Amino acid sequence: MNIYKVPFDFAHEEKIFGGYLSLRQAIYVVLGISSAGILFIPHIPMIFKVIIFLTTFIAFLIFAFLKINEIYADRHFLNIIKYIFRKKIYLSER
């Protein structure tokens, strides 16, 4: 029996929500909109609530739609977090 290697391209996302949004993008948009719930927390000054809401909303939209060299921003963010917290080897030369 012959075995053939089939190339896979997983960089492509299927747009399943109205033909415009992928599942990943839709989740980030929903999370961004739901971050408006912080505006209903009592005993916090309104300016702090607005600042927190805008930063989380903008971050989720950037994660959903910004591409850097064909890689989405959320993947870059995860790679940065992995780099910061991985075990590093320090070489000391004298």
PDB file of N, CA and C in Angstrom:
ATOM      1  N   MET A   1       0.839  -1.165   0.000  1.00  0.00           N
ATOM      2  CA  MET A   1       0.000   0.000   0.000  1.00  0.00           C
ATOM      3  C   MET A   1       0.896   1.245   0.000  1.00  0.00           C
ATOM      4  N   ASN A   2       0.592   2.171  -0.870  1.00  0.00           N
ATOM      5  CA  ASN A   2       1.368   3.402  -0.980  1.00  0.00           C
ATOM      6  C   ASN A   2       0.915   4.410   0.068  1.00  0.00           C
ATOM      7  N   ILE A   3       1.882   5.116   0.636  1.00  0.00           N
ATOM      8  CA  ILE A   3       1.587   6.169   1.604  1.00  0.00           C
ATOM      9  C   ILE A   3       2.058   7.484   1.001  1.00  0.00           C
ATOM     10  N   TYR A   4       1.134   8.434   0.917  1.00  0.00           N
ATOM     11  CA  TYR A   4       1.436   9.730   0.354  1.00  0.00           C
ATOM     12  C   TYR A   4       1.315  10.786   1.443  1.00  0.00           C
ATOM     13  N   LYS A   5       2.306  11.676   1.472  1.00  0.00           N
ATOM     14  CA  LYS A   5       2.242  12.779   2.432  1.00  0.00           C
ATOM     15  C   LYS A   5       1.343  13.870   1.856  1.00  0.00           C
ATOM     16  N   VAL A   6       0.399  14.310   2.658  1.00  0.00           N
ATOM     17  CA  VAL A   6      -0.530  15.348   2.241  1.00  0.00           C
ATOM     18  C   VAL A   6      -0.169  16.631   2.988  1.00  0.00           C
ATOM     19  N   PRO A   7       0.121  17.698   2.258  1.00  0.00           N
ATOM     20  CA  PRO A   7       0.460  18.951   2.949  1.00  0.00           C
ATOM     21  C   PRO A   7      -0.786  19.582   3.566  1.00  0.00           C
ATOM     22  N   PHE A   8      -0.625  20.085   4.772  1.00  0.00           N
ATOM     23  CA  PHE A   8      -1.716  20.758   5.464  1.00  0.00           C
ATOM     24  C   PHE A   8      -1.361  22.221   5.654  1.00  0.00           C
ATOM     25  N   ASP A   9      -2.322  23.078   5.422  1.00  0.00           N
ATOM     26  CA  ASP A   9      -2.136  24.509   5.653  1.00  0.00           C
ATOM     27  C   ASP A   9      -3.159  24.945   6.691  1.00  0.00           C
ATOM     28  N   PHE A  10      -2.719  25.052   7.949  1.00  0.00           N
ATOM     29  CA  PHE A  10      -3.624  25.433   9.018  1.00  0.00           C
ATOM     30  C   PHE A  10      -3.592  26.931   9.293  1.00  0.00           C
ATOM     31  N   ALA A  11      -2.909  27.700   8.487  1.00  0.00           N
ATOM     32  CA  ALA A  11      -2.848  29.143   8.687  1.00  0.00           C
ATOM     33  C   ALA A  11      -4.144  29.816   8.243  1.00  0.00           C
ATOM     34  N   HIS A  12      -4.940  29.128   7.453  1.00  0.00           N
ATOM     35  CA  HIS A  12      -6.188  29.683   6.937  1.00  0.00           C
ATOM     36  C   HIS A  12      -7.317  29.441   7.928  1.00  0.00           C
ATOM     37  N   GLU A  13      -8.120  30.463   8.191  1.00  0.00           N
ATOM     38  CA  GLU A  13      -9.277  30.321   9.060  1.00  0.00           C
ATOM     39  C   GLU A  13     -10.538  30.415   8.227  1.00  0.00           C
ATOM     40  N   GLU A  14     -11.476  29.524   8.495  1.00  0.00           N
ATOM     41  CA  GLU A  14     -12.728  29.531   7.768  1.00  0.00           C
ATOM     42  C   GLU A  14     -13.660  30.563   8.387  1.00  0.00           C
ATOM     43  N   LYS A  15     -14.206  31.429   7.557  1.00  0.00           N
ATOM     44  CA  LYS A  15     -15.107  32.485   8.019  1.00  0.00           C
ATOM     45  C   LYS A  15     -16.514  31.892   8.135  1.00  0.00           C
ATOM     46  N   ILE A  16     -16.957  31.630   9.371  1.00  0.00           N
ATOM     47  CA  ILE A  16     -18.225  30.932   9.550  1.00  0.00           C
ATOM     48  C   ILE A  16     -19.345  31.840  10.047  1.00  0.00           C
ATOM     49  N   PHE A  17     -19.053  33.031  10.527  1.00  0.00           N
ATOM     50  CA  PHE A  17     -20.084  33.938  11.004  1.00  0.00           C
ATOM     51  C   PHE A  17     -20.337  35.011   9.959  1.00  0.00           C
ATOM     52  N   GLY A  18     -21.335  34.776   9.126  1.00  0.00           N
ATOM     53  CA  GLY A  18     -21.708  35.730   8.092  1.00  0.00           C
ATOM     54  C   GLY A  18     -20.688  35.834   6.975  1.00  0.00           C
ATOM     55  N   GLY A  19     -19.732  34.954   6.927  1.00  0.00           N
ATOM     56  CA  GLY A  19     -18.699  35.018   5.913  1.00  0.00           C
ATOM     57  C   GLY A  19     -17.638  36.069   6.190  1.00  0.00           C
ATOM     58  N   TYR A  20     -17.721  36.716   7.348  1.00  0.00           N
ATOM     59  CA  TYR A  20     -16.780  37.782   7.676  1.00  0.00           C
ATOM     60  C   TYR A  20     -15.892  37.469   8.872  1.00  0.00           C
ATOM     61  N   LEU A  21     -16.400  36.686   9.845  1.00  0.00           N
ATOM     62  CA  LEU A  21     -15.662  36.430  11.069  1.00  0.00           C
ATOM     63  C   LEU A  21     -15.417  34.940  11.253  1.00  0.00           C
ATOM     64  N   SER A  22     -14.210  34.623  11.663  1.00  0.00           N
ATOM     65  CA  SER A  22     -13.921  33.240  12.035  1.00  0.00           C
ATOM     66  C   SER A  22     -14.374  33.030  13.477  1.00  0.00           C
ATOM     67  N   LEU A  23     -14.315  31.799  13.939  1.00  0.00           N
ATOM     68  CA  LEU A  23     -14.725  31.500  15.306  1.00  0.00           C
ATOM     69  C   LEU A  23     -13.836  32.237  16.306  1.00  0.00           C
ATOM     70  N   ARG A  24     -12.536  32.275  16.061  1.00  0.00           N
ATOM     71  CA  ARG A  24     -11.607  32.964  16.939  1.00  0.00           C
ATOM     72  C   ARG A  24     -11.924  34.452  17.006  1.00  0.00           C
ATOM     73  N   GLN A  25     -12.181  35.064  15.852  1.00  0.00           N
ATOM     74  CA  GLN A  25     -12.500  36.480  15.818  1.00  0.00           C
ATOM     75  C   GLN A  25     -13.827  36.769  16.513  1.00  0.00           C
ATOM     76  N   ALA A  26     -14.813  35.902  16.320  1.00  0.00           N
ATOM     77  CA  ALA A  26     -16.115  36.102  16.952  1.00  0.00           C
ATOM     78  C   ALA A  26     -16.008  36.019  18.470  1.00  0.00           C
ATOM     79  N   ILE A  27     -15.192  35.109  18.969  1.00  0.00           N
ATOM     80  CA  ILE A  27     -15.007  34.999  20.421  1.00  0.00           C
ATOM     81  C   ILE A  27     -14.367  36.270  20.972  1.00  0.00           C
ATOM     82  N   TYR A  28     -13.357  36.805  20.284  1.00  0.00           N
ATOM     83  CA  TYR A  28     -12.718  38.033  20.750  1.00  0.00           C
ATOM     84  C   TYR A  28     -13.677  39.222  20.689  1.00  0.00           C
ATOM     85  N   VAL A  29     -14.526  39.294  19.679  1.00  0.00           N
ATOM     86  CA  VAL A  29     -15.495  40.388  19.592  1.00  0.00           C
ATOM     87  C   VAL A  29     -16.509  40.284  20.732  1.00  0.00           C
ATOM     88  N   VAL A  30     -16.996  39.076  21.012  1.00  0.00           N
ATOM     89  CA  VAL A  30     -17.946  38.885  22.113  1.00  0.00           C
ATOM     90  C   VAL A  30     -17.296  39.228  23.453  1.00  0.00           C
ATOM     91  N   LEU A  31     -16.051  38.821  23.662  1.00  0.00           N
ATOM     92  CA  LEU A  31     -15.349  39.164  24.904  1.00  0.00           C
ATOM     93  C   LEU A  31     -15.153  40.673  25.026  1.00  0.00           C
ATOM     94  N   GLY A  32     -14.861  41.335  23.912  1.00  0.00           N
ATOM     95  CA  GLY A  32     -14.692  42.784  23.945  1.00  0.00           C
ATOM     96  C   GLY A  32     -15.976  43.499  24.294  1.00  0.00           C
ATOM     97  N   ILE A  33     -17.087  43.045  23.716  1.00  0.00           N
ATOM     98  CA  ILE A  33     -18.376  43.666  24.020  1.00  0.00           C
ATOM     99  C   ILE A  33     -18.803  43.354  25.453  1.00  0.00           C
ATOM    100  N   SER A  34     -18.547  42.134  25.905  1.00  0.00           N
ATOM    101  CA  SER A  34     -18.947  41.773  27.264  1.00  0.00           C
ATOM    102  C   SER A  34     -18.086  42.458  28.328  1.00  0.00           C
ATOM    103  N   SER A  35     -16.942  43.001  27.916  1.00  0.00           N
ATOM    104  CA  SER A  35     -16.138  43.739  28.887  1.00  0.00           C
ATOM    105  C   SER A  35     -16.810  45.047  29.293  1.00  0.00           C
ATOM    106  N   ALA A  36     -17.887  45.411  28.629  1.00  0.00           N
ATOM    107  CA  ALA A  36     -18.657  46.589  29.026  1.00  0.00           C
ATOM    108  C   ALA A  36     -19.347  46.369  30.364  1.00  0.00           C
ATOM    109  N   GLY A  37     -19.406  45.132  30.837  1.00  0.00           N
ATOM    110  CA  GLY A  37     -20.006  44.839  32.130  1.00  0.00           C
ATOM    111  C   GLY A  37     -19.280  45.506  33.274  1.00  0.00           C
ATOM    112  N   ILE A  38     -18.032  45.885  33.059  1.00  0.00           N
ATOM    113  CA  ILE A  38     -17.279  46.565  34.121  1.00  0.00           C
ATOM    114  C   ILE A  38     -17.878  47.939  34.419  1.00  0.00           C
ATOM    115  N   LEU A  39     -18.614  48.483  33.482  1.00  0.00           N
ATOM    116  CA  LEU A  39     -19.213  49.802  33.691  1.00  0.00           C
ATOM    117  C   LEU A  39     -20.332  49.763  34.733  1.00  0.00           C
ATOM    118  N   PHE A  40     -20.838  48.580  35.056  1.00  0.00           N
ATOM    119  CA  PHE A  40     -21.947  48.457  36.004  1.00  0.00           C
ATOM    120  C   PHE A  40     -21.501  48.106  37.419  1.00  0.00           C
ATOM    121  N   ILE A  41     -20.205  48.079  37.671  1.00  0.00           N
ATOM    122  CA  ILE A  41     -19.700  47.787  39.011  1.00  0.00           C
ATOM    123  C   ILE A  41     -19.800  49.057  39.850  1.00  0.00           C
ATOM    124  N   PRO A  42     -20.473  48.980  41.000  1.00  0.00           N
ATOM    125  CA  PRO A  42     -20.591  50.189  41.829  1.00  0.00           C
ATOM    126  C   PRO A  42     -19.319  50.435  42.653  1.00  0.00           C
ATOM    127  N   HIS A  43     -19.234  51.608  43.247  1.00  0.00           N
ATOM    128  CA  HIS A  43     -18.169  52.015  44.179  1.00  0.00           C
ATOM    129  C   HIS A  43     -16.796  52.156  43.512  1.00  0.00           C
ATOM    130  N   ILE A  44     -16.755  52.267  42.197  1.00  0.00           N
ATOM    131  CA  ILE A  44     -15.509  52.551  41.485  1.00  0.00           C
ATOM    132  C   ILE A  44     -15.766  53.819  40.673  1.00  0.00           C
ATOM    133  N   PRO A  45     -14.870  54.785  40.721  1.00  0.00           N
ATOM    134  CA  PRO A  45     -15.084  56.007  39.933  1.00  0.00           C
ATOM    135  C   PRO A  45     -15.230  55.697  38.437  1.00  0.00           C
ATOM    136  N   MET A  46     -16.097  56.456  37.801  1.00  0.00           N
ATOM    137  CA  MET A  46     -16.439  56.201  36.399  1.00  0.00           C
ATOM    138  C   MET A  46     -15.224  56.303  35.475  1.00  0.00           C
ATOM    139  N   ILE A  47     -14.301  57.195  35.749  1.00  0.00           N
ATOM    140  CA  ILE A  47     -13.144  57.351  34.876  1.00  0.00           C
ATOM    141  C   ILE A  47     -12.288  56.089  34.856  1.00  0.00           C
ATOM    142  N   PHE A  48     -12.141  55.416  36.017  1.00  0.00           N
ATOM    143  CA  PHE A  48     -11.374  54.166  36.056  1.00  0.00           C
ATOM    144  C   PHE A  48     -12.082  53.055  35.287  1.00  0.00           C
ATOM    145  N   LYS A  49     -13.416  53.029  35.416  1.00  0.00           N
ATOM    146  CA  LYS A  49     -14.190  52.016  34.695  1.00  0.00           C
ATOM    147  C   LYS A  49     -14.071  52.205  33.181  1.00  0.00           C
ATOM    148  N   VAL A  50     -14.122  53.450  32.746  1.00  0.00           N
ATOM    149  CA  VAL A  50     -14.021  53.731  31.304  1.00  0.00           C
ATOM    150  C   VAL A  50     -12.631  53.383  30.784  1.00  0.00           C
ATOM    151  N   ILE A  51     -11.601  53.714  31.537  1.00  0.00           N
ATOM    152  CA  ILE A  51     -10.228  53.402  31.113  1.00  0.00           C
ATOM    153  C   ILE A  51     -10.024  51.897  31.014  1.00  0.00           C
ATOM    154  N   ILE A  52     -10.488  51.160  32.009  1.00  0.00           N
ATOM    155  CA  ILE A  52     -10.341  49.697  31.983  1.00  0.00           C
ATOM    156  C   ILE A  52     -11.133  49.098  30.829  1.00  0.00           C
ATOM    157  N   PHE A  53     -12.367  49.596  30.632  1.00  0.00           N
ATOM    158  CA  PHE A  53     -13.196  49.084  29.535  1.00  0.00           C
ATOM    159  C   PHE A  53     -12.539  49.337  28.183  1.00  0.00           C
ATOM    160  N   LEU A  54     -12.069  50.556  27.959  1.00  0.00           N
ATOM    161  CA  LEU A  54     -11.483  50.878  26.654  1.00  0.00           C
ATOM    162  C   LEU A  54     -10.210  50.077  26.387  1.00  0.00           C
ATOM    163  N   THR A  55      -9.370  49.889  27.400  1.00  0.00           N
ATOM    164  CA  THR A  55      -8.137  49.127  27.171  1.00  0.00           C
ATOM    165  C   THR A  55      -8.444  47.661  26.861  1.00  0.00           C
ATOM    166  N   THR A  56      -9.379  47.053  27.594  1.00  0.00           N
ATOM    167  CA  THR A  56      -9.706  45.646  27.296  1.00  0.00           C
ATOM    168  C   THR A  56     -10.423  45.517  25.960  1.00  0.00           C
ATOM    169  N   PHE A  57     -11.317  46.441  25.658  1.00  0.00           N
ATOM    170  CA  PHE A  57     -12.047  46.390  24.388  1.00  0.00           C
ATOM    171  C   PHE A  57     -11.094  46.528  23.202  1.00  0.00           C
ATOM    172  N   ILE A  58     -10.189  47.484  23.277  1.00  0.00           N
ATOM    173  CA  ILE A  58      -9.235  47.693  22.192  1.00  0.00           C
ATOM    174  C   ILE A  58      -8.276  46.512  22.078  1.00  0.00           C
ATOM    175  N   ALA A  59      -7.849  45.955  23.215  1.00  0.00           N
ATOM    176  CA  ALA A  59      -6.951  44.794  23.182  1.00  0.00           C
ATOM    177  C   ALA A  59      -7.629  43.601  22.506  1.00  0.00           C
ATOM    178  N   PHE A  60      -8.894  43.335  22.840  1.00  0.00           N
ATOM    179  CA  PHE A  60      -9.604  42.218  22.212  1.00  0.00           C
ATOM    180  C   PHE A  60      -9.806  42.454  20.720  1.00  0.00           C
ATOM    181  N   LEU A  61     -10.082  43.681  20.310  1.00  0.00           N
ATOM    182  CA  LEU A  61     -10.232  43.953  18.880  1.00  0.00           C
ATOM    183  C   LEU A  61      -8.908  43.815  18.137  1.00  0.00           C
ATOM    184  N   ILE A  62      -7.817  44.227  18.772  1.00  0.00           N
ATOM    185  CA  ILE A  62      -6.497  44.042  18.162  1.00  0.00           C
ATOM    186  C   ILE A  62      -6.193  42.557  18.026  1.00  0.00           C
ATOM    187  N   PHE A  63      -6.491  41.766  19.076  1.00  0.00           N
ATOM    188  CA  PHE A  63      -6.268  40.321  19.011  1.00  0.00           C
ATOM    189  C   PHE A  63      -7.094  39.695  17.891  1.00  0.00           C
ATOM    190  N   ALA A  64      -8.278  40.212  17.633  1.00  0.00           N
ATOM    191  CA  ALA A  64      -9.159  39.617  16.635  1.00  0.00           C
ATOM    192  C   ALA A  64      -8.739  39.960  15.211  1.00  0.00           C
ATOM    193  N   PHE A  65      -8.326  41.194  14.958  1.00  0.00           N
ATOM    194  CA  PHE A  65      -8.205  41.635  13.578  1.00  0.00           C
ATOM    195  C   PHE A  65      -6.805  42.013  13.104  1.00  0.00           C
ATOM    196  N   LEU A  66      -5.865  42.305  13.991  1.00  0.00           N
ATOM    197  CA  LEU A  66      -4.544  42.770  13.561  1.00  0.00           C
ATOM    198  C   LEU A  66      -3.656  41.591  13.168  1.00  0.00           C
ATOM    199  N   LYS A  67      -3.096  41.667  11.967  1.00  0.00           N
ATOM    200  CA  LYS A  67      -2.154  40.660  11.497  1.00  0.00           C
ATOM    201  C   LYS A  67      -0.779  41.293  11.381  1.00  0.00           C
ATOM    202  N   ILE A  68       0.219  40.574  11.895  1.00  0.00           N
ATOM    203  CA  ILE A  68       1.608  41.009  11.776  1.00  0.00           C
ATOM    204  C   ILE A  68       2.351  39.904  11.048  1.00  0.00           C
ATOM    205  N   ASN A  69       2.766  40.174   9.818  1.00  0.00           N
ATOM    206  CA  ASN A  69       3.455  39.184   8.985  1.00  0.00           C
ATOM    207  C   ASN A  69       2.682  37.869   8.900  1.00  0.00           C
ATOM    208  N   GLU A  70       1.402  37.964   8.557  1.00  0.00           N
ATOM    209  CA  GLU A  70       0.515  36.802   8.370  1.00  0.00           C
ATOM    210  C   GLU A  70       0.253  36.017   9.649  1.00  0.00           C
ATOM    211  N   ILE A  71       0.559  36.583  10.818  1.00  0.00           N
ATOM    212  CA  ILE A  71       0.269  35.940  12.097  1.00  0.00           C
ATOM    213  C   ILE A  71      -0.553  36.931  12.911  1.00  0.00           C
ATOM    214  N   TYR A  72      -1.657  36.450  13.490  1.00  0.00           N
ATOM    215  CA  TYR A  72      -2.517  37.344  14.254  1.00  0.00           C
ATOM    216  C   TYR A  72      -1.832  37.790  15.550  1.00  0.00           C
ATOM    217  N   ALA A  73      -2.271  38.934  16.063  1.00  0.00           N
ATOM    218  CA  ALA A  73      -1.640  39.555  17.225  1.00  0.00           C
ATOM    219  C   ALA A  73      -1.772  38.702  18.479  1.00  0.00           C
ATOM    220  N   ASP A  74      -2.849  37.927  18.601  1.00  0.00           N
ATOM    221  CA  ASP A  74      -2.985  37.095  19.795  1.00  0.00           C
ATOM    222  C   ASP A  74      -1.924  36.012  19.841  1.00  0.00           C
ATOM    223  N   ARG A  75      -1.538  35.474  18.692  1.00  0.00           N
ATOM    224  CA  ARG A  75      -0.471  34.468  18.640  1.00  0.00           C
ATOM    225  C   ARG A  75       0.873  35.103  19.009  1.00  0.00           C
ATOM    226  N   HIS A  76       1.119  36.346  18.531  1.00  0.00           N
ATOM    227  CA  HIS A  76       2.344  37.055  18.922  1.00  0.00           C
ATOM    228  C   HIS A  76       2.372  37.294  20.431  1.00  0.00           C
ATOM    229  N   PHE A  77       1.239  37.696  20.997  1.00  0.00           N
ATOM    230  CA  PHE A  77       1.163  37.935  22.433  1.00  0.00           C
ATOM    231  C   PHE A  77       1.453  36.660  23.211  1.00  0.00           C
ATOM    232  N   LEU A  78       0.889  35.536  22.792  1.00  0.00           N
ATOM    233  CA  LEU A  78       1.153  34.265  23.471  1.00  0.00           C
ATOM    234  C   LEU A  78       2.622  33.864  23.349  1.00  0.00           C
ATOM    235  N   ASN A  79       3.224  34.108  22.190  1.00  0.00           N
ATOM    236  CA  ASN A  79       4.648  33.801  22.032  1.00  0.00           C
ATOM    237  C   ASN A  79       5.515  34.666  22.939  1.00  0.00           C
ATOM    238  N   ILE A  80       5.147  35.921  23.119  1.00  0.00           N
ATOM    239  CA  ILE A  80       5.891  36.802  24.013  1.00  0.00           C
ATOM    240  C   ILE A  80       5.766  36.319  25.456  1.00  0.00           C
ATOM    241  N   ILE A  81       4.551  35.949  25.861  1.00  0.00           N
ATOM    242  CA  ILE A  81       4.333  35.443  27.223  1.00  0.00           C
ATOM    243  C   ILE A  81       5.121  34.158  27.444  1.00  0.00           C
ATOM    244  N   LYS A  82       5.127  33.262  26.460  1.00  0.00           N
ATOM    245  CA  LYS A  82       5.898  32.023  26.580  1.00  0.00           C
ATOM    246  C   LYS A  82       7.388  32.321  26.707  1.00  0.00           C
ATOM    247  N   TYR A  83       7.880  33.288  25.948  1.00  0.00           N
ATOM    248  CA  TYR A  83       9.293  33.645  26.006  1.00  0.00           C
ATOM    249  C   TYR A  83       9.669  34.210  27.377  1.00  0.00           C
ATOM    250  N   ILE A  84       8.801  35.057  27.924  1.00  0.00           N
ATOM    251  CA  ILE A  84       9.098  35.678  29.215  1.00  0.00           C
ATOM    252  C   ILE A  84       9.161  34.641  30.324  1.00  0.00           C
ATOM    253  N   PHE A  85       8.245  33.668  30.318  1.00  0.00           N
ATOM    254  CA  PHE A  85       8.136  32.738  31.430  1.00  0.00           C
ATOM    255  C   PHE A  85       8.854  31.407  31.228  1.00  0.00           C
ATOM    256  N   ARG A  86       9.503  31.198  30.079  1.00  0.00           N
ATOM    257  CA  ARG A  86      10.197  29.928  29.912  1.00  0.00           C
ATOM    258  C   ARG A  86      11.514  29.937  30.683  1.00  0.00           C
ATOM    259  N   LYS A  87      12.010  28.755  30.934  1.00  0.00           N
ATOM    260  CA  LYS A  87      13.280  28.637  31.644  1.00  0.00           C
ATOM    261  C   LYS A  87      14.407  29.014  30.688  1.00  0.00           C
ATOM    262  N   LYS A  88      15.261  29.885  31.155  1.00  0.00           N
ATOM    263  CA  LYS A  88      16.352  30.374  30.322  1.00  0.00           C
ATOM    264  C   LYS A  88      17.681  29.843  30.843  1.00  0.00           C
ATOM    265  N   ILE A  89      18.602  29.686  29.942  1.00  0.00           N
ATOM    266  CA  ILE A  89      19.941  29.246  30.283  1.00  0.00           C
ATOM    267  C   ILE A  89      20.871  30.446  30.138  1.00  0.00           C
ATOM    268  N   TYR A  90      21.541  30.808  31.218  1.00  0.00           N
ATOM    269  CA  TYR A  90      22.449  31.933  31.197  1.00  0.00           C
ATOM    270  C   TYR A  90      23.882  31.413  31.200  1.00  0.00           C
ATOM    271  N   LEU A  91      24.629  31.856  30.209  1.00  0.00           N
ATOM    272  CA  LEU A  91      26.031  31.472  30.123  1.00  0.00           C
ATOM    273  C   LEU A  91      26.882  32.632  30.609  1.00  0.00           C
ATOM    274  N   SER A  92      27.728  32.362  31.552  1.00  0.00           N
ATOM    275  CA  SER A  92      28.606  33.435  32.041  1.00  0.00           C
ATOM    276  C   SER A  92      30.051  33.094  31.622  1.00  0.00           C
ATOM    277  N   GLU A  93      30.574  33.942  30.783  1.00  0.00           N
ATOM    278  CA  GLU A  93      31.932  33.765  30.316  1.00  0.00           C
ATOM    279  C   GLU A  93      32.822  34.810  30.963  1.00  0.00           C
ATOM    280  N   ARG A  94      34.027  34.392  31.366  1.00  0.00           N
ATOM    281  CA  ARG A  94      34.962  35.324  31.988  1.00  0.00           C
ATOM    282  C   ARG A  94      36.222  35.401  31.231  1.00  0.00           C
TER     283      ARG A  94
END
